[in-house]
Amino acid sequence: MLANILPTVPLRSWFLPCAAFLLAGLLAACESDPTPIVDDVRSSGAALQLAPTNLPGGMRSGGTSAQASSDYRLGPNDRARVIVFGQPGLTGEFVLDGDGVLAFPLIGSVPANGMTPRELQQSIAGKLDPQYLRDPNVTVEVLTRRPFYVLGEVQKPGNYPYVTGITALHAVAMAGGYTYRARTTQYYIKRLNSDGKMVRIVAGPETIVRPGDTLEVRERYF
């Protein structure tokens, strides 16, 4: 009786549109992260060891080839060596705290988060001169960069010590490899941009991971 009332509709004619609609909703839910997506801007790869400073404020005389060119931005848990020439009591290794602050003898706390090593050496020299030293000669060298993080569909999510030049694929290997649900060809990397805002980078296996990055390995849909 019911079969005579309901129109005869092939199963495929209604099942496929419904499945497509549900899949579209699932994909939209998975991509609901509001973090903006930006292009990956590669760093210049310049060395991190900087030339000494010998002018007030940590500046060198103009036109010298020893000018620093590193664009690495310091952050929490970075370890740096600060050398003040002729001042062994002010020379040593320092770790930035969780807020990116460096505690330095005589001058106290130096907010170093987001600074390049050159900017940090200028800041230290500027605080030392003229109250403590006249025209201090300061060098800053990054010894250990902050860790990176791997989350999502990997065997051992967590934070890992940074290795220079590490790729996203190597980072996944450090995290124990993929789970069976992982998407293995495309990821997201979250990092702070130069303005201190969180952004996302669409990454592949060969994308270079930076200190402080969070690599997100997403779940595949099929």
N, C-alpha and C. Protein backbone atom coordinates (compact mmCIF):
# COMPACT_ATOMS: atom_id res chain seq x y z
N MET A 1 0.83 -1.21 0.00
CA MET A 1 0.00 0.00 0.00
C MET A 1 0.86 1.26 0.00
N LEU A 2 1.88 1.31 0.91
CA LEU A 2 2.77 2.46 1.02
C LEU A 2 3.57 2.64 -0.26
N ALA A 3 3.94 1.52 -0.85
CA ALA A 3 4.72 1.60 -2.08
C ALA A 3 3.91 2.24 -3.20
N ASN A 4 2.58 2.09 -3.16
CA ASN A 4 1.75 2.71 -4.19
C ASN A 4 1.60 4.20 -4.00
N ILE A 5 1.78 4.68 -2.75
CA ILE A 5 1.62 6.11 -2.46
C ILE A 5 2.89 6.87 -2.75
N LEU A 6 4.05 6.38 -2.24
CA LEU A 6 5.33 7.07 -2.42
C LEU A 6 5.82 6.91 -3.84
N PRO A 7 6.32 7.96 -4.43
CA PRO A 7 6.85 7.84 -5.78
C PRO A 7 8.08 6.95 -5.79
N THR A 8 8.24 6.28 -6.86
CA THR A 8 9.40 5.41 -7.01
C THR A 8 10.58 6.25 -7.44
N VAL A 9 11.55 6.43 -6.51
CA VAL A 9 12.72 7.26 -6.77
C VAL A 9 13.96 6.39 -6.63
N PRO A 10 14.80 6.37 -7.61
CA PRO A 10 16.04 5.58 -7.49
C PRO A 10 16.85 6.02 -6.29
N LEU A 11 17.46 5.07 -5.61
CA LEU A 11 18.22 5.36 -4.40
C LEU A 11 19.33 6.36 -4.67
N ARG A 12 20.00 6.23 -5.80
CA ARG A 12 21.14 7.09 -6.10
C ARG A 12 20.73 8.55 -6.25
N SER A 13 19.51 8.81 -6.72
CA SER A 13 19.09 10.18 -7.01
C SER A 13 18.98 11.04 -5.77
N TRP A 14 18.75 10.45 -4.62
CA TRP A 14 18.69 11.26 -3.39
C TRP A 14 19.87 11.02 -2.47
N PHE A 15 20.48 9.84 -2.54
CA PHE A 15 21.58 9.53 -1.63
C PHE A 15 22.83 10.34 -1.95
N LEU A 16 23.20 10.43 -3.22
CA LEU A 16 24.42 11.14 -3.58
C LEU A 16 24.37 12.61 -3.24
N PRO A 17 23.28 13.36 -3.55
CA PRO A 17 23.24 14.78 -3.12
C PRO A 17 23.32 14.94 -1.62
N CYS A 18 22.67 14.07 -0.86
CA CYS A 18 22.72 14.16 0.61
C CYS A 18 24.13 13.91 1.12
N ALA A 19 24.81 12.92 0.54
CA ALA A 19 26.17 12.62 0.96
C ALA A 19 27.10 13.78 0.65
N ALA A 20 26.91 14.39 -0.51
CA ALA A 20 27.74 15.55 -0.88
C ALA A 20 27.51 16.70 0.07
N PHE A 21 26.25 16.92 0.44
CA PHE A 21 25.92 18.01 1.37
C PHE A 21 26.56 17.76 2.73
N LEU A 22 26.47 16.54 3.23
CA LEU A 22 27.06 16.22 4.53
C LEU A 22 28.58 16.36 4.49
N LEU A 23 29.19 15.93 3.39
CA LEU A 23 30.65 16.05 3.27
C LEU A 23 31.07 17.49 3.24
N ALA A 24 30.33 18.33 2.52
CA ALA A 24 30.65 19.76 2.48
C ALA A 24 30.58 20.38 3.87
N GLY A 25 29.57 19.96 4.63
CA GLY A 25 29.47 20.48 6.00
C GLY A 25 30.61 20.02 6.87
N LEU A 26 31.04 18.78 6.68
CA LEU A 26 32.17 18.26 7.46
C LEU A 26 33.45 19.01 7.13
N LEU A 27 33.70 19.25 5.86
CA LEU A 27 34.91 19.97 5.46
C LEU A 27 34.90 21.39 6.00
N ALA A 28 33.74 22.03 5.96
CA ALA A 28 33.65 23.40 6.48
C ALA A 28 33.92 23.43 7.97
N ALA A 29 33.44 22.41 8.69
CA ALA A 29 33.68 22.37 10.14
C ALA A 29 35.15 22.17 10.44
N CYS A 30 35.81 21.34 9.63
CA CYS A 30 37.23 21.07 9.86
C CYS A 30 38.10 22.28 9.53
N GLU A 31 37.62 23.16 8.67
CA GLU A 31 38.40 24.33 8.28
C GLU A 31 37.90 25.60 8.97
N SER A 32 37.35 25.45 10.17
CA SER A 32 36.75 26.58 10.86
C SER A 32 37.76 27.42 11.62
N ASP A 33 39.03 27.07 11.61
CA ASP A 33 40.07 27.83 12.30
C ASP A 33 40.12 29.24 11.72
N PRO A 34 39.89 30.27 12.54
CA PRO A 34 39.87 31.64 12.03
C PRO A 34 41.26 32.24 11.79
N THR A 35 42.32 31.52 12.17
CA THR A 35 43.67 32.05 11.98
C THR A 35 43.92 32.33 10.50
N PRO A 36 44.32 33.54 10.15
CA PRO A 36 44.52 33.87 8.72
C PRO A 36 45.63 33.06 8.10
N ILE A 37 45.46 32.73 6.82
CA ILE A 37 46.47 31.99 6.06
C ILE A 37 47.27 32.98 5.22
N VAL A 38 48.59 32.89 5.31
CA VAL A 38 49.48 33.80 4.58
C VAL A 38 50.52 32.98 3.83
N ASP A 39 51.22 33.64 2.90
CA ASP A 39 52.30 32.99 2.17
C ASP A 39 53.51 32.81 3.08
N ASP A 40 54.27 31.76 2.83
CA ASP A 40 55.49 31.52 3.58
C ASP A 40 56.60 32.41 3.02
N VAL A 41 57.16 33.25 3.89
CA VAL A 41 58.26 34.12 3.50
C VAL A 41 59.55 33.53 4.05
N ARG A 42 60.42 33.10 3.15
CA ARG A 42 61.66 32.45 3.59
C ARG A 42 62.63 33.49 4.12
N SER A 43 63.36 33.10 5.16
CA SER A 43 64.37 34.00 5.72
C SER A 43 65.59 34.02 4.82
N SER A 44 66.45 34.99 5.05
CA SER A 44 67.62 35.18 4.21
C SER A 44 68.70 34.15 4.47
N GLY A 45 68.58 33.43 5.60
CA GLY A 45 69.57 32.41 5.92
C GLY A 45 70.88 32.99 6.42
N ALA A 46 70.86 34.24 6.87
CA ALA A 46 72.09 34.87 7.32
C ALA A 46 72.56 34.25 8.63
N ALA A 47 73.83 34.38 8.91
CA ALA A 47 74.40 33.82 10.13
C ALA A 47 73.87 34.54 11.34
N LEU A 48 73.87 33.83 12.48
CA LEU A 48 73.33 34.40 13.70
C LEU A 48 74.39 35.06 14.55
N GLN A 49 75.66 34.82 14.30
CA GLN A 49 76.69 35.45 15.10
C GLN A 49 76.93 36.86 14.56
N LEU A 50 76.94 37.82 15.44
CA LEU A 50 76.97 39.22 15.04
C LEU A 50 78.29 39.87 15.41
N ALA A 51 78.65 40.90 14.66
CA ALA A 51 79.88 41.63 14.94
C ALA A 51 79.72 42.46 16.20
N PRO A 52 80.83 42.73 16.91
CA PRO A 52 80.76 43.55 18.11
C PRO A 52 80.28 44.96 17.80
N THR A 53 79.75 45.61 18.81
CA THR A 53 79.34 47.00 18.70
C THR A 53 80.36 47.85 19.43
N ASN A 54 80.57 49.08 18.95
CA ASN A 54 81.56 49.92 19.64
C ASN A 54 81.19 51.40 19.64
N LEU A 55 79.91 51.70 19.41
CA LEU A 55 79.44 53.07 19.52
C LEU A 55 78.28 53.12 20.49
N PRO A 56 77.95 54.29 21.05
CA PRO A 56 76.83 54.38 21.98
C PRO A 56 75.57 53.80 21.37
N GLY A 57 74.86 53.02 22.20
CA GLY A 57 73.65 52.37 21.73
C GLY A 57 73.92 51.11 20.94
N GLY A 58 75.17 50.67 20.91
CA GLY A 58 75.48 49.43 20.22
C GLY A 58 75.65 49.59 18.74
N MET A 59 75.77 50.81 18.21
CA MET A 59 75.89 51.02 16.78
C MET A 59 77.35 51.03 16.36
N ARG A 60 77.59 50.50 15.16
CA ARG A 60 78.93 50.57 14.58
C ARG A 60 79.00 51.76 13.65
N SER A 61 80.23 52.18 13.36
CA SER A 61 80.40 53.24 12.39
C SER A 61 79.89 52.79 11.04
N GLY A 62 79.31 53.70 10.25
CA GLY A 62 78.64 53.36 9.03
C GLY A 62 79.59 52.82 7.98
N GLY A 63 79.02 51.98 7.09
CA GLY A 63 79.76 51.52 5.93
C GLY A 63 80.66 50.33 6.17
N THR A 64 80.67 49.76 7.36
CA THR A 64 81.53 48.62 7.62
C THR A 64 80.88 47.35 7.13
N SER A 65 81.71 46.39 6.70
CA SER A 65 81.18 45.13 6.18
C SER A 65 80.73 44.21 7.30
N ALA A 66 81.01 44.58 8.55
CA ALA A 66 80.66 43.71 9.67
C ALA A 66 79.25 43.94 10.17
N GLN A 67 78.46 44.74 9.47
CA GLN A 67 77.10 44.99 9.91
C GLN A 67 76.31 43.69 9.95
N ALA A 68 75.49 43.55 10.99
CA ALA A 68 74.71 42.32 11.13
C ALA A 68 73.60 42.26 10.09
N SER A 69 73.31 41.05 9.62
CA SER A 69 72.26 40.89 8.63
C SER A 69 71.24 39.84 9.02
N SER A 70 71.36 39.27 10.20
CA SER A 70 70.42 38.24 10.63
C SER A 70 69.04 38.83 10.86
N ASP A 71 68.00 38.09 10.42
CA ASP A 71 66.63 38.54 10.66
C ASP A 71 65.92 37.61 11.64
N TYR A 72 66.68 36.73 12.31
CA TYR A 72 66.07 35.83 13.28
C TYR A 72 65.50 36.64 14.44
N ARG A 73 64.27 36.31 14.84
CA ARG A 73 63.59 37.00 15.92
C ARG A 73 63.63 36.15 17.19
N LEU A 74 64.16 36.72 18.24
CA LEU A 74 64.28 36.02 19.51
C LEU A 74 62.91 35.80 20.14
N GLY A 75 62.82 34.75 20.95
CA GLY A 75 61.58 34.45 21.62
C GLY A 75 61.82 33.67 22.90
N PRO A 76 60.75 33.34 23.63
CA PRO A 76 60.88 32.60 24.89
C PRO A 76 61.68 31.32 24.73
N ASN A 77 62.55 31.07 25.70
CA ASN A 77 63.37 29.86 25.80
C ASN A 77 64.55 29.82 24.84
N ASP A 78 64.78 30.89 24.08
CA ASP A 78 66.02 30.97 23.31
C ASP A 78 67.20 31.16 24.26
N ARG A 79 68.32 30.54 23.93
CA ARG A 79 69.55 30.70 24.72
C ARG A 79 70.55 31.51 23.90
N ALA A 80 71.10 32.55 24.51
CA ALA A 80 72.04 33.42 23.80
C ALA A 80 73.29 33.65 24.64
N ARG A 81 74.40 33.85 23.94
CA ARG A 81 75.63 34.25 24.60
C ARG A 81 75.83 35.75 24.37
N VAL A 82 76.02 36.47 25.47
CA VAL A 82 76.28 37.90 25.40
C VAL A 82 77.70 38.15 25.86
N ILE A 83 78.49 38.79 25.02
CA ILE A 83 79.88 39.10 25.34
C ILE A 83 80.04 40.61 25.40
N VAL A 84 80.48 41.09 26.54
CA VAL A 84 80.84 42.51 26.69
C VAL A 84 82.36 42.55 26.81
N PHE A 85 83.01 43.07 25.78
CA PHE A 85 84.47 43.01 25.69
C PHE A 85 85.13 43.66 26.90
N GLY A 86 86.05 42.91 27.51
CA GLY A 86 86.79 43.41 28.66
C GLY A 86 86.01 43.38 29.96
N GLN A 87 84.82 42.76 29.94
CA GLN A 87 83.98 42.70 31.13
C GLN A 87 83.51 41.26 31.38
N PRO A 88 84.37 40.42 31.95
CA PRO A 88 83.99 39.02 32.15
C PRO A 88 82.79 38.85 33.06
N GLY A 89 82.59 39.79 33.96
CA GLY A 89 81.43 39.69 34.85
C GLY A 89 80.11 39.93 34.15
N LEU A 90 80.15 40.53 32.96
CA LEU A 90 78.94 40.78 32.20
C LEU A 90 78.81 39.84 31.00
N THR A 91 79.75 38.94 30.87
CA THR A 91 79.76 38.01 29.74
C THR A 91 79.25 36.65 30.19
N GLY A 92 78.36 36.06 29.42
CA GLY A 92 77.84 34.75 29.80
C GLY A 92 76.71 34.31 28.89
N GLU A 93 76.09 33.17 29.25
CA GLU A 93 74.97 32.62 28.51
C GLU A 93 73.67 32.93 29.27
N PHE A 94 72.65 33.30 28.52
CA PHE A 94 71.39 33.73 29.11
C PHE A 94 70.23 33.08 28.37
N VAL A 95 69.18 32.72 29.11
CA VAL A 95 67.98 32.13 28.53
C VAL A 95 66.82 33.11 28.71
N LEU A 96 66.12 33.40 27.62
CA LEU A 96 64.95 34.26 27.71
C LEU A 96 63.85 33.52 28.44
N ASP A 97 63.16 34.21 29.33
CA ASP A 97 62.10 33.56 30.09
C ASP A 97 60.84 33.38 29.24
N GLY A 98 59.76 32.94 29.87
CA GLY A 98 58.53 32.65 29.14
C GLY A 98 57.92 33.84 28.45
N ASP A 99 58.29 35.04 28.87
CA ASP A 99 57.79 36.26 28.23
C ASP A 99 58.80 36.86 27.26
N GLY A 100 59.90 36.15 27.05
CA GLY A 100 60.92 36.66 26.14
C GLY A 100 61.79 37.74 26.76
N VAL A 101 61.90 37.74 28.08
CA VAL A 101 62.70 38.75 28.79
C VAL A 101 64.05 38.15 29.19
N LEU A 102 65.11 38.91 28.99
CA LEU A 102 66.45 38.50 29.36
C LEU A 102 66.88 39.26 30.61
N ALA A 103 67.27 38.53 31.65
CA ALA A 103 67.76 39.14 32.88
C ALA A 103 69.26 39.32 32.77
N PHE A 104 69.72 40.57 32.79
CA PHE A 104 71.13 40.87 32.55
C PHE A 104 71.72 41.60 33.75
N PRO A 105 72.98 41.30 34.12
CA PRO A 105 73.60 41.98 35.26
C PRO A 105 73.59 43.50 35.10
N LEU A 106 73.48 44.18 36.22
CA LEU A 106 73.49 45.65 36.32
C LEU A 106 72.23 46.28 35.79
N ILE A 107 71.80 45.94 34.57
CA ILE A 107 70.69 46.67 33.94
C ILE A 107 69.35 45.99 34.16
N GLY A 108 69.35 44.76 34.68
CA GLY A 108 68.10 44.09 34.99
C GLY A 108 67.43 43.47 33.76
N SER A 109 66.11 43.57 33.70
CA SER A 109 65.32 42.90 32.67
C SER A 109 65.39 43.66 31.34
N VAL A 110 65.64 42.89 30.29
CA VAL A 110 65.68 43.46 28.93
C VAL A 110 64.60 42.75 28.11
N PRO A 111 63.52 43.43 27.72
CA PRO A 111 62.49 42.79 26.89
C PRO A 111 63.04 42.47 25.50
N ALA A 112 63.33 41.20 25.26
CA ALA A 112 64.00 40.81 24.02
C ALA A 112 63.08 40.08 23.04
N ASN A 113 61.85 39.81 23.45
CA ASN A 113 60.94 39.06 22.59
C ASN A 113 60.69 39.82 21.29
N GLY A 114 60.93 39.14 20.16
CA GLY A 114 60.72 39.76 18.86
C GLY A 114 61.89 40.55 18.33
N MET A 115 62.94 40.71 19.12
CA MET A 115 64.12 41.42 18.66
C MET A 115 65.01 40.51 17.81
N THR A 116 65.75 41.10 16.90
CA THR A 116 66.84 40.37 16.26
C THR A 116 68.02 40.40 17.23
N PRO A 117 69.00 39.51 17.05
CA PRO A 117 70.18 39.57 17.90
C PRO A 117 70.87 40.94 17.85
N ARG A 118 70.89 41.57 16.69
CA ARG A 118 71.52 42.89 16.59
C ARG A 118 70.76 43.92 17.42
N GLU A 119 69.44 43.86 17.37
CA GLU A 119 68.64 44.80 18.16
C GLU A 119 68.86 44.58 19.65
N LEU A 120 69.03 43.32 20.05
CA LEU A 120 69.29 43.03 21.46
C LEU A 120 70.63 43.58 21.89
N GLN A 121 71.67 43.40 21.08
CA GLN A 121 72.98 43.91 21.47
C GLN A 121 72.96 45.44 21.55
N GLN A 122 72.20 46.08 20.68
CA GLN A 122 72.08 47.53 20.74
C GLN A 122 71.35 47.97 22.02
N SER A 123 70.30 47.21 22.39
CA SER A 123 69.55 47.54 23.59
C SER A 123 70.42 47.40 24.83
N ILE A 124 71.19 46.31 24.91
CA ILE A 124 72.06 46.10 26.07
C ILE A 124 73.12 47.20 26.14
N ALA A 125 73.74 47.49 25.00
CA ALA A 125 74.77 48.52 24.99
C ALA A 125 74.20 49.87 25.39
N GLY A 126 72.99 50.15 24.92
CA GLY A 126 72.37 51.43 25.25
C GLY A 126 72.03 51.57 26.73
N LYS A 127 71.70 50.46 27.38
CA LYS A 127 71.39 50.50 28.80
C LYS A 127 72.65 50.58 29.66
N LEU A 128 73.75 50.03 29.16
CA LEU A 128 75.01 50.09 29.91
C LEU A 128 75.68 51.47 29.81
N ASP A 129 75.46 52.14 28.69
CA ASP A 129 76.13 53.42 28.43
C ASP A 129 75.14 54.56 28.68
N PRO A 130 75.49 55.56 29.48
CA PRO A 130 76.82 55.80 30.07
C PRO A 130 76.89 55.49 31.56
N GLN A 131 75.80 54.96 32.15
CA GLN A 131 75.75 54.82 33.60
C GLN A 131 76.79 53.83 34.12
N TYR A 132 77.02 52.73 33.37
CA TYR A 132 77.92 51.70 33.85
C TYR A 132 79.21 51.60 33.04
N LEU A 133 79.12 51.73 31.74
CA LEU A 133 80.29 51.63 30.86
C LEU A 133 80.23 52.71 29.80
N ARG A 134 81.40 53.09 29.33
CA ARG A 134 81.48 54.09 28.27
C ARG A 134 81.75 53.38 26.95
N ASP A 135 80.86 53.56 25.98
CA ASP A 135 80.99 52.94 24.66
C ASP A 135 81.24 51.44 24.76
N PRO A 136 80.33 50.69 25.38
CA PRO A 136 80.56 49.25 25.55
C PRO A 136 80.56 48.52 24.21
N ASN A 137 81.40 47.51 24.14
CA ASN A 137 81.53 46.68 22.94
C ASN A 137 80.78 45.37 23.21
N VAL A 138 79.60 45.19 22.58
CA VAL A 138 78.69 44.08 22.90
C VAL A 138 78.49 43.20 21.68
N THR A 139 78.54 41.89 21.92
CA THR A 139 78.23 40.90 20.89
C THR A 139 77.16 39.95 21.40
N VAL A 140 76.19 39.62 20.57
CA VAL A 140 75.14 38.65 20.91
C VAL A 140 75.18 37.52 19.91
N GLU A 141 75.14 36.29 20.41
CA GLU A 141 75.14 35.10 19.56
C GLU A 141 74.06 34.15 20.05
N VAL A 142 73.20 33.70 19.14
CA VAL A 142 72.16 32.74 19.50
C VAL A 142 72.78 31.35 19.57
N LEU A 143 72.65 30.69 20.71
CA LEU A 143 73.22 29.36 20.90
C LEU A 143 72.19 28.25 20.65
N THR A 144 71.02 28.39 21.25
CA THR A 144 69.97 27.38 21.11
C THR A 144 68.65 28.08 20.86
N ARG A 145 67.99 27.68 19.80
CA ARG A 145 66.70 28.28 19.48
C ARG A 145 65.57 27.54 20.20
N ARG A 146 64.47 28.22 20.36
CA ARG A 146 63.33 27.64 21.07
C ARG A 146 62.77 26.43 20.33
N PRO A 147 62.08 25.53 21.02
CA PRO A 147 61.59 24.31 20.38
C PRO A 147 60.43 24.59 19.42
N PHE A 148 60.11 23.60 18.63
CA PHE A 148 58.90 23.64 17.80
C PHE A 148 57.94 22.57 18.29
N TYR A 149 56.71 22.61 17.77
CA TYR A 149 55.65 21.73 18.27
C TYR A 149 55.02 20.98 17.09
N VAL A 150 54.65 19.73 17.34
CA VAL A 150 53.96 18.92 16.34
C VAL A 150 52.67 18.41 16.97
N LEU A 151 51.54 18.71 16.32
CA LEU A 151 50.23 18.33 16.84
C LEU A 151 49.43 17.60 15.76
N GLY A 152 48.37 16.93 16.19
CA GLY A 152 47.47 16.30 15.23
C GLY A 152 47.76 14.82 15.04
N GLU A 153 47.71 14.39 13.79
CA GLU A 153 47.76 12.97 13.46
C GLU A 153 49.20 12.46 13.37
N VAL A 154 49.90 12.50 14.51
CA VAL A 154 51.23 11.91 14.63
C VAL A 154 51.23 11.00 15.86
N GLN A 155 52.22 10.13 15.93
CA GLN A 155 52.25 9.16 17.01
C GLN A 155 52.58 9.78 18.36
N LYS A 156 53.45 10.80 18.36
CA LYS A 156 53.89 11.39 19.63
C LYS A 156 53.83 12.92 19.56
N PRO A 157 52.64 13.50 19.67
CA PRO A 157 52.53 14.96 19.65
C PRO A 157 53.31 15.57 20.82
N GLY A 158 53.86 16.75 20.59
CA GLY A 158 54.60 17.41 21.67
C GLY A 158 55.57 18.43 21.12
N ASN A 159 56.48 18.88 21.99
CA ASN A 159 57.49 19.85 21.59
C ASN A 159 58.83 19.13 21.41
N TYR A 160 59.63 19.66 20.46
CA TYR A 160 60.89 19.02 20.10
C TYR A 160 61.97 20.07 19.92
N PRO A 161 63.22 19.73 20.26
CA PRO A 161 64.30 20.70 20.12
C PRO A 161 64.53 21.06 18.66
N TYR A 162 64.78 22.33 18.41
CA TYR A 162 64.93 22.79 17.03
C TYR A 162 66.26 22.34 16.45
N VAL A 163 66.22 21.92 15.19
CA VAL A 163 67.40 21.54 14.42
C VAL A 163 67.42 22.43 13.18
N THR A 164 68.55 23.07 12.92
CA THR A 164 68.65 23.98 11.80
C THR A 164 68.29 23.29 10.48
N GLY A 165 67.40 23.92 9.71
CA GLY A 165 67.03 23.41 8.40
C GLY A 165 66.05 22.27 8.41
N ILE A 166 65.41 21.98 9.54
CA ILE A 166 64.50 20.85 9.62
C ILE A 166 63.26 21.11 8.76
N THR A 167 62.82 20.08 8.05
CA THR A 167 61.62 20.18 7.23
C THR A 167 60.41 19.63 7.99
N ALA A 168 59.23 19.87 7.42
CA ALA A 168 58.01 19.36 8.05
C ALA A 168 58.03 17.84 8.11
N LEU A 169 58.54 17.19 7.06
CA LEU A 169 58.61 15.72 7.06
C LEU A 169 59.55 15.21 8.14
N HIS A 170 60.69 15.87 8.33
CA HIS A 170 61.61 15.47 9.39
C HIS A 170 60.97 15.68 10.77
N ALA A 171 60.20 16.76 10.91
CA ALA A 171 59.52 17.02 12.17
C ALA A 171 58.52 15.91 12.49
N VAL A 172 57.79 15.46 11.47
CA VAL A 172 56.85 14.35 11.67
C VAL A 172 57.60 13.08 12.10
N ALA A 173 58.77 12.85 11.49
CA ALA A 173 59.57 11.68 11.86
C ALA A 173 60.00 11.76 13.32
N MET A 174 60.38 12.96 13.78
CA MET A 174 60.76 13.12 15.18
C MET A 174 59.58 12.84 16.11
N ALA A 175 58.37 13.10 15.61
CA ALA A 175 57.16 12.87 16.40
C ALA A 175 56.63 11.46 16.24
N GLY A 176 57.45 10.55 15.74
CA GLY A 176 57.07 9.14 15.68
C GLY A 176 56.37 8.70 14.41
N GLY A 177 56.20 9.62 13.45
CA GLY A 177 55.53 9.26 12.21
C GLY A 177 54.04 9.53 12.26
N TYR A 178 53.37 9.25 11.13
CA TYR A 178 51.95 9.52 10.99
C TYR A 178 51.09 8.46 11.69
N THR A 179 49.88 8.83 12.04
CA THR A 179 48.85 7.84 12.34
C THR A 179 48.23 7.39 11.02
N TYR A 180 47.41 6.37 11.07
CA TYR A 180 46.81 5.85 9.83
C TYR A 180 45.79 6.82 9.24
N ARG A 181 45.35 7.81 10.06
CA ARG A 181 44.34 8.78 9.58
C ARG A 181 44.97 10.04 8.98
N ALA A 182 46.28 10.16 9.01
CA ALA A 182 46.93 11.43 8.69
C ALA A 182 46.89 11.76 7.21
N ARG A 183 46.76 13.04 6.93
CA ARG A 183 46.99 13.56 5.58
C ARG A 183 48.49 13.80 5.45
N THR A 184 49.12 13.16 4.51
CA THR A 184 50.58 13.12 4.46
C THR A 184 51.21 14.08 3.46
N THR A 185 50.41 14.83 2.73
CA THR A 185 50.96 15.69 1.68
C THR A 185 50.79 17.18 1.95
N GLN A 186 49.96 17.53 2.92
CA GLN A 186 49.74 18.95 3.18
C GLN A 186 49.43 19.16 4.66
N TYR A 187 50.04 20.19 5.24
CA TYR A 187 49.84 20.50 6.65
C TYR A 187 49.60 22.01 6.81
N TYR A 188 49.40 22.41 8.07
CA TYR A 188 49.43 23.82 8.43
C TYR A 188 50.58 24.04 9.40
N ILE A 189 51.22 25.18 9.28
CA ILE A 189 52.19 25.62 10.27
C ILE A 189 51.69 26.93 10.85
N LYS A 190 51.57 26.99 12.17
CA LYS A 190 51.19 28.22 12.85
C LYS A 190 52.44 28.89 13.40
N ARG A 191 52.54 30.21 13.19
CA ARG A 191 53.67 30.95 13.73
C ARG A 191 53.27 32.40 13.92
N LEU A 192 54.07 33.11 14.71
CA LEU A 192 53.85 34.55 14.89
C LEU A 192 54.55 35.30 13.77
N ASN A 193 53.84 36.27 13.19
CA ASN A 193 54.47 37.08 12.15
C ASN A 193 55.28 38.21 12.79
N SER A 194 55.81 39.09 11.97
CA SER A 194 56.68 40.16 12.48
C SER A 194 55.93 41.14 13.36
N ASP A 195 54.60 41.15 13.27
CA ASP A 195 53.78 42.03 14.12
C ASP A 195 53.30 41.33 15.38
N GLY A 196 53.75 40.10 15.59
CA GLY A 196 53.35 39.36 16.77
C GLY A 196 51.98 38.72 16.68
N LYS A 197 51.41 38.63 15.47
CA LYS A 197 50.09 38.03 15.28
C LYS A 197 50.24 36.60 14.76
N MET A 198 49.34 35.73 15.24
CA MET A 198 49.38 34.33 14.83
C MET A 198 48.82 34.19 13.42
N VAL A 199 49.56 33.48 12.56
CA VAL A 199 49.12 33.21 11.20
C VAL A 199 49.33 31.74 10.90
N ARG A 200 48.73 31.30 9.78
CA ARG A 200 48.91 29.92 9.32
C ARG A 200 49.60 29.92 7.97
N ILE A 201 50.47 28.92 7.78
CA ILE A 201 51.16 28.71 6.51
C ILE A 201 50.72 27.35 5.97
N VAL A 202 50.30 27.28 4.71
CA VAL A 202 50.04 25.99 4.08
C VAL A 202 51.39 25.36 3.74
N ALA A 203 51.65 24.19 4.29
CA ALA A 203 52.97 23.58 4.19
C ALA A 203 52.91 22.22 3.53
N GLY A 204 54.03 21.85 2.94
CA GLY A 204 54.20 20.52 2.39
C GLY A 204 55.34 19.81 3.10
N PRO A 205 55.66 18.59 2.72
CA PRO A 205 56.72 17.84 3.41
C PRO A 205 58.07 18.54 3.43
N GLU A 206 58.38 19.35 2.41
CA GLU A 206 59.70 19.98 2.32
C GLU A 206 59.72 21.40 2.88
N THR A 207 58.61 21.88 3.43
CA THR A 207 58.58 23.22 4.02
C THR A 207 59.49 23.28 5.25
N ILE A 208 60.28 24.34 5.36
CA ILE A 208 61.19 24.50 6.49
C ILE A 208 60.42 24.95 7.72
N VAL A 209 60.66 24.26 8.83
CA VAL A 209 60.05 24.61 10.12
C VAL A 209 60.97 25.58 10.84
N ARG A 210 60.39 26.59 11.46
CA ARG A 210 61.17 27.59 12.20
C ARG A 210 61.02 27.38 13.71
N PRO A 211 61.94 27.93 14.48
CA PRO A 211 61.81 27.85 15.95
C PRO A 211 60.48 28.46 16.41
N GLY A 212 59.81 27.76 17.31
CA GLY A 212 58.54 28.24 17.84
C GLY A 212 57.34 27.89 17.00
N ASP A 213 57.54 27.30 15.82
CA ASP A 213 56.42 26.92 14.96
C ASP A 213 55.60 25.80 15.59
N THR A 214 54.32 25.74 15.19
CA THR A 214 53.46 24.61 15.53
C THR A 214 53.02 23.95 14.23
N LEU A 215 53.48 22.73 14.00
CA LEU A 215 53.12 21.97 12.81
C LEU A 215 51.86 21.16 13.10
N GLU A 216 50.82 21.37 12.31
CA GLU A 216 49.56 20.67 12.49
C GLU A 216 49.37 19.66 11.36
N VAL A 217 49.34 18.38 11.71
CA VAL A 217 49.10 17.31 10.74
C VAL A 217 47.62 16.96 10.83
N ARG A 218 46.91 17.24 9.75
CA ARG A 218 45.46 17.08 9.77
C ARG A 218 45.02 15.67 9.40
N GLU A 219 43.76 15.39 9.71
CA GLU A 219 43.17 14.10 9.38
C GLU A 219 42.71 14.10 7.93
N ARG A 220 42.97 13.01 7.24
CA ARG A 220 42.46 12.90 5.86
C ARG A 220 40.99 12.55 5.90
N TYR A 221 40.29 12.91 4.82
CA TYR A 221 38.84 12.70 4.79
C TYR A 221 38.43 11.37 4.17
N PHE A 222 39.31 10.77 3.38
CA PHE A 222 38.98 9.51 2.75
C PHE A 222 40.07 8.49 2.99
